[in-house]
Amino acid sequence: MKKEFALDPGGPKRLTVTYGWNLANAEVLLDGRKIASFPTKADFQRGTTCKLPDGALLTVRFGSVEGAPLLKGVHVIRNGAPLPGSAADPVPTWAWVFIIACAAIPVISVGGAVPVLLAMAGISGTLAVARLRQWSVALRAGVCAFIALACWTGFALLISALRPATAASGWNPPLSKTLFMSSSPDKLMNEIEAAYTAKGYNEKAITRIKGTLQGNCDRLEPKQCVKFLQTALLEIRNRQESH
């Protein structure tokens, strides 16, 4: 993951924060030069304060978004003031209406990678627009409403496109089989373990299989890891169905 921030309103995004999907090995860079690092998730959540070349104090940590405690993000505070777009920048209360509207998509679909991506895109867009203080509240609310509507429209089109194909063929093609799978590596691992347990594999064999899958995942990007685990889960489920 990579997040970029401007040190001054309207200025260039000189500050970059990078971190893995597990929040480990996070780094803070100013103009491409590393000024802080967090080897572990706990270090990143605890945060640190460092002095910038201009003498300003910069605090960086990972935690709950101000005004939206259920969401997480990178807090960046410069001389006591939150940087725009960071998790320290408060979210207006009215934005929750649109955040919940987007978050409801994967709830309705009972999970799934594509619905989760739609929800994440909608929530991310809402958070960005809702905190554009240079815009009027009416304009920000209108754009947030459009974002939520676009996400739901995309979800409706997706369902409409899949339904005829599934009904006509009598079986689910690979896309529809993985579409509503979880996009969380941990949850996918748990589902894989459950599938192999149902297949009759012993605990030692399952542990070995999970270790191999995890080893492969560690060499992949987060999105590639999810796809890899979804394919592995699909394979064991297909084996169960064929027996």
C-alpha atoms as a PDB file:
ATOM      1  CA  MET A   1       0.000   0.000   0.000  1.00  0.00           C
ATOM      2  CA  LYS A   2       1.135   3.543  -0.688  1.00  0.00           C
ATOM      3  CA  LYS A   3      -0.322   6.798   0.603  1.00  0.00           C
ATOM      4  CA  GLU A   4       0.854  10.240  -0.473  1.00  0.00           C
ATOM      5  CA  PHE A   5       0.263  13.549   1.307  1.00  0.00           C
ATOM      6  CA  ALA A   6       0.958  17.233   0.722  1.00  0.00           C
ATOM      7  CA  LEU A   7       2.669  19.023   3.599  1.00  0.00           C
ATOM      8  CA  ASP A   8       0.853  22.246   2.717  1.00  0.00           C
ATOM      9  CA  PRO A   9      -2.718  22.713   1.380  1.00  0.00           C
ATOM     10  CA  GLY A  10      -2.626  22.665  -2.405  1.00  0.00           C
ATOM     11  CA  GLY A  11       1.074  21.820  -2.444  1.00  0.00           C
ATOM     12  CA  PRO A  12       2.832  18.854  -4.053  1.00  0.00           C
ATOM     13  CA  LYS A  13       2.539  15.436  -2.400  1.00  0.00           C
ATOM     14  CA  ARG A  14       6.038  15.198  -0.979  1.00  0.00           C
ATOM     15  CA  LEU A  15       5.323  12.753   1.821  1.00  0.00           C
ATOM     16  CA  THR A  16       4.852   9.044   1.057  1.00  0.00           C
ATOM     17  CA  VAL A  17       3.923   6.246   3.465  1.00  0.00           C
ATOM     18  CA  THR A  18       4.275   2.662   2.264  1.00  0.00           C
ATOM     19  CA  TYR A  19       3.275  -0.536   4.099  1.00  0.00           C
ATOM     20  CA  GLY A  20       2.326  -4.158   3.490  1.00  0.00           C
ATOM     21  CA  TRP A  21      -1.137  -5.696   3.773  1.00  0.00           C
ATOM     22  CA  ASN A  22      -0.155  -6.922   7.267  1.00  0.00           C
ATOM     23  CA  LEU A  23       1.059  -3.408   8.250  1.00  0.00           C
ATOM     24  CA  ALA A  24       4.654  -4.641   8.605  1.00  0.00           C
ATOM     25  CA  ASN A  25       7.781  -2.977   7.167  1.00  0.00           C
ATOM     26  CA  ALA A  26       6.137   0.441   6.835  1.00  0.00           C
ATOM     27  CA  GLU A  27       8.279   3.364   5.697  1.00  0.00           C
ATOM     28  CA  VAL A  28       7.854   7.141   5.650  1.00  0.00           C
ATOM     29  CA  LEU A  29       9.602   9.023   2.849  1.00  0.00           C
ATOM     30  CA  LEU A  30      10.005  12.752   2.287  1.00  0.00           C
ATOM     31  CA  ASP A  31      10.889  13.650  -1.301  1.00  0.00           C
ATOM     32  CA  GLY A  32      11.873  10.005  -1.809  1.00  0.00           C
ATOM     33  CA  ARG A  33      14.206   9.906   1.217  1.00  0.00           C
ATOM     34  CA  LYS A  34      13.344   7.628   4.139  1.00  0.00           C
ATOM     35  CA  ILE A  35      12.834   9.512   7.385  1.00  0.00           C
ATOM     36  CA  ALA A  36      11.137   6.814   9.501  1.00  0.00           C
ATOM     37  CA  SER A  37      10.320   3.110   9.432  1.00  0.00           C
ATOM     38  CA  PHE A  38       8.137   0.633  11.336  1.00  0.00           C
ATOM     39  CA  PRO A  39       9.357  -3.001  11.225  1.00  0.00           C
ATOM     40  CA  THR A  40       6.201  -4.439  12.818  1.00  0.00           C
ATOM     41  CA  LYS A  41       2.473  -3.795  12.901  1.00  0.00           C
ATOM     42  CA  ALA A  42       2.701  -2.839  16.577  1.00  0.00           C
ATOM     43  CA  ASP A  43       5.401  -0.256  15.801  1.00  0.00           C
ATOM     44  CA  PHE A  44       3.247   1.267  13.052  1.00  0.00           C
ATOM     45  CA  GLN A  45       0.209   1.459  15.327  1.00  0.00           C
ATOM     46  CA  ARG A  46       2.285   3.011  18.105  1.00  0.00           C
ATOM     47  CA  GLY A  47       3.734   5.570  15.691  1.00  0.00           C
ATOM     48  CA  THR A  48       6.638   7.981  15.971  1.00  0.00           C
ATOM     49  CA  THR A  49       7.468  11.680  15.792  1.00  0.00           C
ATOM     50  CA  CYS A  50      10.403  13.035  13.806  1.00  0.00           C
ATOM     51  CA  LYS A  51      11.757  16.459  12.885  1.00  0.00           C
ATOM     52  CA  LEU A  52      11.638  17.558   9.244  1.00  0.00           C
ATOM     53  CA  PRO A  53      14.448  19.574   7.593  1.00  0.00           C
ATOM     54  CA  ASP A  54      12.395  22.774   8.027  1.00  0.00           C
ATOM     55  CA  GLY A  55      12.157  22.140  11.780  1.00  0.00           C
ATOM     56  CA  ALA A  56       8.516  21.002  11.739  1.00  0.00           C
ATOM     57  CA  LEU A  57       7.494  18.025  13.873  1.00  0.00           C
ATOM     58  CA  LEU A  58       5.821  15.185  11.998  1.00  0.00           C
ATOM     59  CA  THR A  59       3.870  12.407  13.704  1.00  0.00           C
ATOM     60  CA  VAL A  60       2.916   9.268  11.769  1.00  0.00           C
ATOM     61  CA  ARG A  61       0.980   6.221  12.940  1.00  0.00           C
ATOM     62  CA  PHE A  62      -1.696   3.761  11.794  1.00  0.00           C
ATOM     63  CA  GLY A  63      -5.070   3.872  13.535  1.00  0.00           C
ATOM     64  CA  SER A  64      -8.763   4.683  13.408  1.00  0.00           C
ATOM     65  CA  VAL A  65      -9.943   7.461  11.110  1.00  0.00           C
ATOM     66  CA  GLU A  66     -11.027  10.551  13.051  1.00  0.00           C
ATOM     67  CA  GLY A  67     -14.814  10.737  12.915  1.00  0.00           C
ATOM     68  CA  ALA A  68     -15.074   7.197  11.505  1.00  0.00           C
ATOM     69  CA  PRO A  69     -13.638   4.881  14.204  1.00  0.00           C
ATOM     70  CA  LEU A  70     -14.629   1.699  12.377  1.00  0.00           C
ATOM     71  CA  LEU A  71     -12.275   2.616   9.523  1.00  0.00           C
ATOM     72  CA  LYS A  72      -8.480   2.543   9.654  1.00  0.00           C
ATOM     73  CA  GLY A  73      -5.819   4.619   7.965  1.00  0.00           C
ATOM     74  CA  VAL A  74      -2.516   6.487   8.235  1.00  0.00           C
ATOM     75  CA  HIS A  75      -2.506   9.385  10.711  1.00  0.00           C
ATOM     76  CA  VAL A  76      -0.146  12.208   9.721  1.00  0.00           C
ATOM     77  CA  ILE A  77       0.114  15.317  11.889  1.00  0.00           C
ATOM     78  CA  ARG A  78       2.485  18.231  11.180  1.00  0.00           C
ATOM     79  CA  ASN A  79       3.074  20.706  13.998  1.00  0.00           C
ATOM     80  CA  GLY A  80      -0.179  19.620  15.661  1.00  0.00           C
ATOM     81  CA  ALA A  81      -2.325  19.964  12.525  1.00  0.00           C
ATOM     82  CA  PRO A  82      -3.596  16.901  10.588  1.00  0.00           C
ATOM     83  CA  LEU A  83      -2.547  16.677   6.962  1.00  0.00           C
ATOM     84  CA  PRO A  84      -5.531  16.752   4.552  1.00  0.00           C
ATOM     85  CA  GLY A  85      -6.553  13.276   3.441  1.00  0.00           C
ATOM     86  CA  SER A  86      -4.850  11.453   6.300  1.00  0.00           C
ATOM     87  CA  ALA A  87      -6.743   9.465   8.930  1.00  0.00           C
ATOM     88  CA  ALA A  88      -6.116  12.331  11.360  1.00  0.00           C
ATOM     89  CA  ASP A  89      -8.235  14.649   9.175  1.00  0.00           C
ATOM     90  CA  PRO A  90     -11.754  14.483  10.742  1.00  0.00           C
ATOM     91  CA  VAL A  91     -14.603  13.048   8.664  1.00  0.00           C
ATOM     92  CA  PRO A  92     -17.860  15.114   8.779  1.00  0.00           C
ATOM     93  CA  THR A  93     -20.728  13.348  10.565  1.00  0.00           C
ATOM     94  CA  TRP A  94     -23.034  13.634   7.531  1.00  0.00           C
ATOM     95  CA  ALA A  95     -20.625  11.561   5.429  1.00  0.00           C
ATOM     96  CA  TRP A  96     -21.599   8.448   7.408  1.00  0.00           C
ATOM     97  CA  VAL A  97     -24.832   8.183   5.405  1.00  0.00           C
ATOM     98  CA  PHE A  98     -22.853   7.577   2.217  1.00  0.00           C
ATOM     99  CA  ILE A  99     -20.171   5.444   3.893  1.00  0.00           C
ATOM    100  CA  ILE A 100     -22.843   3.068   5.219  1.00  0.00           C
ATOM    101  CA  ALA A 101     -24.578   3.012   1.828  1.00  0.00           C
ATOM    102  CA  CYS A 102     -21.350   1.815   0.168  1.00  0.00           C
ATOM    103  CA  ALA A 103     -20.465  -0.583   2.996  1.00  0.00           C
ATOM    104  CA  ALA A 104     -23.866  -2.284   2.620  1.00  0.00           C
ATOM    105  CA  ILE A 105     -22.905  -3.721  -0.802  1.00  0.00           C
ATOM    106  CA  PRO A 106     -20.753  -6.634   0.465  1.00  0.00           C
ATOM    107  CA  VAL A 107     -23.276  -7.201   3.270  1.00  0.00           C
ATOM    108  CA  ILE A 108     -26.060  -7.707   0.726  1.00  0.00           C
ATOM    109  CA  SER A 109     -23.832  -9.945  -1.419  1.00  0.00           C
ATOM    110  CA  VAL A 110     -22.590 -11.854   1.664  1.00  0.00           C
ATOM    111  CA  GLY A 111     -18.957 -10.970   0.934  1.00  0.00           C
ATOM    112  CA  GLY A 112     -17.075 -11.494  -2.297  1.00  0.00           C
ATOM    113  CA  ALA A 113     -14.035  -9.846  -3.851  1.00  0.00           C
ATOM    114  CA  VAL A 114     -15.829  -7.664  -6.416  1.00  0.00           C
ATOM    115  CA  PRO A 115     -18.525  -6.333  -4.037  1.00  0.00           C
ATOM    116  CA  VAL A 116     -15.831  -5.597  -1.455  1.00  0.00           C
ATOM    117  CA  LEU A 117     -13.790  -3.699  -4.058  1.00  0.00           C
ATOM    118  CA  LEU A 118     -16.869  -1.674  -5.046  1.00  0.00           C
ATOM    119  CA  ALA A 119     -17.525  -0.840  -1.395  1.00  0.00           C
ATOM    120  CA  MET A 120     -13.892   0.082  -0.750  1.00  0.00           C
ATOM    121  CA  ALA A 121     -13.819   2.342  -3.808  1.00  0.00           C
ATOM    122  CA  GLY A 122     -17.026   4.045  -2.704  1.00  0.00           C
ATOM    123  CA  ILE A 123     -15.879   4.521   0.885  1.00  0.00           C
ATOM    124  CA  SER A 124     -12.465   5.785  -0.222  1.00  0.00           C
ATOM    125  CA  GLY A 125     -14.056   8.254  -2.635  1.00  0.00           C
ATOM    126  CA  THR A 126     -16.522   9.428   0.002  1.00  0.00           C
ATOM    127  CA  LEU A 127     -13.774   9.986   2.570  1.00  0.00           C
ATOM    128  CA  ALA A 128     -11.709  11.984   0.078  1.00  0.00           C
ATOM    129  CA  VAL A 129     -14.571  14.195  -1.112  1.00  0.00           C
ATOM    130  CA  ALA A 130     -16.174  14.717   2.306  1.00  0.00           C
ATOM    131  CA  ARG A 131     -12.948  16.280   3.606  1.00  0.00           C
ATOM    132  CA  LEU A 132     -12.445  18.734   0.727  1.00  0.00           C
ATOM    133  CA  ARG A 133     -12.992  21.758   2.939  1.00  0.00           C
ATOM    134  CA  GLN A 134     -12.583  24.166   0.000  1.00  0.00           C
ATOM    135  CA  TRP A 135     -15.906  22.859  -1.376  1.00  0.00           C
ATOM    136  CA  SER A 136     -19.283  23.758   0.094  1.00  0.00           C
ATOM    137  CA  VAL A 137     -21.095  21.111   2.164  1.00  0.00           C
ATOM    138  CA  ALA A 138     -23.851  20.920  -0.445  1.00  0.00           C
ATOM    139  CA  LEU A 139     -21.376  20.209  -3.249  1.00  0.00           C
ATOM    140  CA  ARG A 140     -19.495  17.603  -1.209  1.00  0.00           C
ATOM    141  CA  ALA A 141     -22.714  15.859  -0.208  1.00  0.00           C
ATOM    142  CA  GLY A 142     -23.921  15.843  -3.805  1.00  0.00           C
ATOM    143  CA  VAL A 143     -20.714  14.255  -5.077  1.00  0.00           C
ATOM    144  CA  CYS A 144     -20.761  11.677  -2.256  1.00  0.00           C
ATOM    145  CA  ALA A 145     -24.339  10.778  -3.194  1.00  0.00           C
ATOM    146  CA  PHE A 146     -23.243  10.315  -6.807  1.00  0.00           C
ATOM    147  CA  ILE A 147     -20.375   8.034  -5.691  1.00  0.00           C
ATOM    148  CA  ALA A 148     -22.732   5.835  -3.648  1.00  0.00           C
ATOM    149  CA  LEU A 149     -25.205   5.674  -6.546  1.00  0.00           C
ATOM    150  CA  ALA A 150     -22.427   4.727  -8.984  1.00  0.00           C
ATOM    151  CA  CYS A 151     -21.281   1.877  -6.700  1.00  0.00           C
ATOM    152  CA  TRP A 152     -24.797   0.466  -6.387  1.00  0.00           C
ATOM    153  CA  THR A 153     -25.364   0.834 -10.125  1.00  0.00           C
ATOM    154  CA  GLY A 154     -22.158  -1.095 -10.786  1.00  0.00           C
ATOM    155  CA  PHE A 155     -23.249  -3.824  -8.363  1.00  0.00           C
ATOM    156  CA  ALA A 156     -26.688  -4.080 -10.005  1.00  0.00           C
ATOM    157  CA  LEU A 157     -25.127  -4.344 -13.482  1.00  0.00           C
ATOM    158  CA  LEU A 158     -22.770  -7.039 -12.229  1.00  0.00           C
ATOM    159  CA  ILE A 159     -25.611  -9.154 -10.834  1.00  0.00           C
ATOM    160  CA  SER A 160     -27.662  -8.640 -14.009  1.00  0.00           C
ATOM    161  CA  ALA A 161     -24.757  -9.773 -16.179  1.00  0.00           C
ATOM    162  CA  LEU A 162     -24.074 -12.917 -14.140  1.00  0.00           C
ATOM    163  CA  ARG A 163     -27.635 -14.115 -13.632  1.00  0.00           C
ATOM    164  CA  PRO A 164     -28.504 -14.947 -17.303  1.00  0.00           C
ATOM    165  CA  ALA A 165     -25.185 -16.710 -17.901  1.00  0.00           C
ATOM    166  CA  THR A 166     -25.586 -18.889 -14.837  1.00  0.00           C
ATOM    167  CA  ALA A 167     -29.188 -19.761 -15.630  1.00  0.00           C
ATOM    168  CA  ALA A 168     -28.401 -20.652 -19.242  1.00  0.00           C
ATOM    169  CA  SER A 169     -25.411 -22.861 -18.515  1.00  0.00           C
ATOM    170  CA  GLY A 170     -26.703 -24.580 -15.390  1.00  0.00           C
ATOM    171  CA  TRP A 171     -23.358 -24.166 -13.648  1.00  0.00           C
ATOM    172  CA  ASN A 172     -21.194 -21.350 -12.340  1.00  0.00           C
ATOM    173  CA  PRO A 173     -18.218 -20.357 -14.476  1.00  0.00           C
ATOM    174  CA  PRO A 174     -14.939 -19.564 -12.644  1.00  0.00           C
ATOM    175  CA  LEU A 175     -15.674 -15.818 -12.467  1.00  0.00           C
ATOM    176  CA  SER A 176     -18.997 -16.290 -10.711  1.00  0.00           C
ATOM    177  CA  LYS A 177     -17.497 -18.909  -8.417  1.00  0.00           C
ATOM    178  CA  THR A 178     -14.767 -16.571  -7.203  1.00  0.00           C
ATOM    179  CA  LEU A 179     -16.790 -13.366  -7.412  1.00  0.00           C
ATOM    180  CA  PHE A 180     -18.427 -13.751  -4.021  1.00  0.00           C
ATOM    181  CA  MET A 181     -15.506 -15.399  -2.266  1.00  0.00           C
ATOM    182  CA  SER A 182     -13.814 -13.565   0.563  1.00  0.00           C
ATOM    183  CA  SER A 183     -11.012 -11.143  -0.302  1.00  0.00           C
ATOM    184  CA  SER A 184      -9.291 -11.667   3.062  1.00  0.00           C
ATOM    185  CA  PRO A 185      -6.238 -14.003   3.008  1.00  0.00           C
ATOM    186  CA  ASP A 186      -6.913 -15.084   6.608  1.00  0.00           C
ATOM    187  CA  LYS A 187     -10.551 -15.977   5.889  1.00  0.00           C
ATOM    188  CA  LEU A 188      -9.589 -17.804   2.704  1.00  0.00           C
ATOM    189  CA  MET A 189      -6.998 -19.817   4.645  1.00  0.00           C
ATOM    190  CA  ASN A 190      -9.665 -20.772   7.194  1.00  0.00           C
ATOM    191  CA  GLU A 191     -12.034 -21.843   4.416  1.00  0.00           C
ATOM    192  CA  ILE A 192      -9.282 -23.886   2.767  1.00  0.00           C
ATOM    193  CA  GLU A 193      -8.558 -25.597   6.091  1.00  0.00           C
ATOM    194  CA  ALA A 194     -12.259 -26.387   6.534  1.00  0.00           C
ATOM    195  CA  ALA A 195     -12.483 -27.784   2.978  1.00  0.00           C
ATOM    196  CA  TYR A 196      -9.491 -30.091   3.479  1.00  0.00           C
ATOM    197  CA  THR A 197     -10.836 -31.175   6.883  1.00  0.00           C
ATOM    198  CA  ALA A 198     -14.146 -32.107   5.249  1.00  0.00           C
ATOM    199  CA  LYS A 199     -12.167 -34.026   2.631  1.00  0.00           C
ATOM    200  CA  GLY A 200     -10.639 -36.159   5.426  1.00  0.00           C
ATOM    201  CA  TYR A 201      -7.086 -34.782   5.526  1.00  0.00           C
ATOM    202  CA  ASN A 202      -5.374 -35.016   8.923  1.00  0.00           C
ATOM    203  CA  GLU A 203      -4.142 -32.001  10.853  1.00  0.00           C
ATOM    204  CA  LYS A 204      -0.486 -32.538   9.952  1.00  0.00           C
ATOM    205  CA  ALA A 205      -1.233 -32.661   6.225  1.00  0.00           C
ATOM    206  CA  ILE A 206      -3.433 -29.570   6.406  1.00  0.00           C
ATOM    207  CA  THR A 207      -0.731 -27.661   8.280  1.00  0.00           C
ATOM    208  CA  ARG A 208       1.785 -28.599   5.575  1.00  0.00           C
ATOM    209  CA  ILE A 209      -0.599 -27.513   2.799  1.00  0.00           C
ATOM    210  CA  LYS A 210      -1.326 -24.201   4.506  1.00  0.00           C
ATOM    211  CA  GLY A 211       2.399 -23.625   4.998  1.00  0.00           C
ATOM    212  CA  THR A 212       3.021 -24.152   1.296  1.00  0.00           C
ATOM    213  CA  LEU A 213       0.183 -21.800   0.347  1.00  0.00           C
ATOM    214  CA  GLN A 214       1.404 -19.150   2.794  1.00  0.00           C
ATOM    215  CA  GLY A 215       4.950 -19.451   1.441  1.00  0.00           C
ATOM    216  CA  ASN A 216       3.693 -18.821  -2.075  1.00  0.00           C
ATOM    217  CA  CYS A 217       1.540 -15.927  -0.889  1.00  0.00           C
ATOM    218  CA  ASP A 218       4.498 -14.245   0.821  1.00  0.00           C
ATOM    219  CA  ARG A 219       6.135 -13.871  -2.590  1.00  0.00           C
ATOM    220  CA  LEU A 220       3.054 -12.302  -4.172  1.00  0.00           C
ATOM    221  CA  GLU A 221       1.381  -8.898  -4.093  1.00  0.00           C
ATOM    222  CA  PRO A 222      -1.736  -8.778  -1.839  1.00  0.00           C
ATOM    223  CA  LYS A 223      -4.201  -8.936  -4.767  1.00  0.00           C
ATOM    224  CA  GLN A 224      -2.275 -11.787  -6.371  1.00  0.00           C
ATOM    225  CA  CYS A 225      -2.253 -13.633  -3.034  1.00  0.00           C
ATOM    226  CA  VAL A 226      -6.043 -13.374  -2.791  1.00  0.00           C
ATOM    227  CA  LYS A 227      -6.459 -14.698  -6.353  1.00  0.00           C
ATOM    228  CA  PHE A 228      -4.035 -17.537  -5.639  1.00  0.00           C
ATOM    229  CA  LEU A 229      -5.902 -18.580  -2.474  1.00  0.00           C
ATOM    230  CA  GLN A 230      -9.294 -18.292  -4.195  1.00  0.00           C
ATOM    231  CA  THR A 231      -8.054 -20.633  -6.929  1.00  0.00           C
ATOM    232  CA  ALA A 232      -6.719 -23.081  -4.330  1.00  0.00           C
ATOM    233  CA  LEU A 233     -10.058 -23.042  -2.510  1.00  0.00           C
ATOM    234  CA  LEU A 234     -11.947 -23.509  -5.771  1.00  0.00           C
ATOM    235  CA  GLU A 235      -9.787 -26.534  -6.638  1.00  0.00           C
ATOM    236  CA  ILE A 236     -10.429 -28.374  -3.357  1.00  0.00           C
ATOM    237  CA  ARG A 237     -14.144 -27.564  -3.544  1.00  0.00           C
ATOM    238  CA  ASN A 238     -14.296 -28.927  -7.100  1.00  0.00           C
ATOM    239  CA  ARG A 239     -12.564 -32.100  -5.912  1.00  0.00           C
ATOM    240  CA  GLN A 240     -15.183 -32.458  -3.187  1.00  0.00           C
ATOM    241  CA  GLU A 241     -18.014 -32.036  -5.696  1.00  0.00           C
ATOM    242  CA  SER A 242     -16.505 -34.571  -8.122  1.00  0.00           C
ATOM    243  CA  HIS A 243     -16.437 -37.240  -5.416  1.00  0.00           C
END
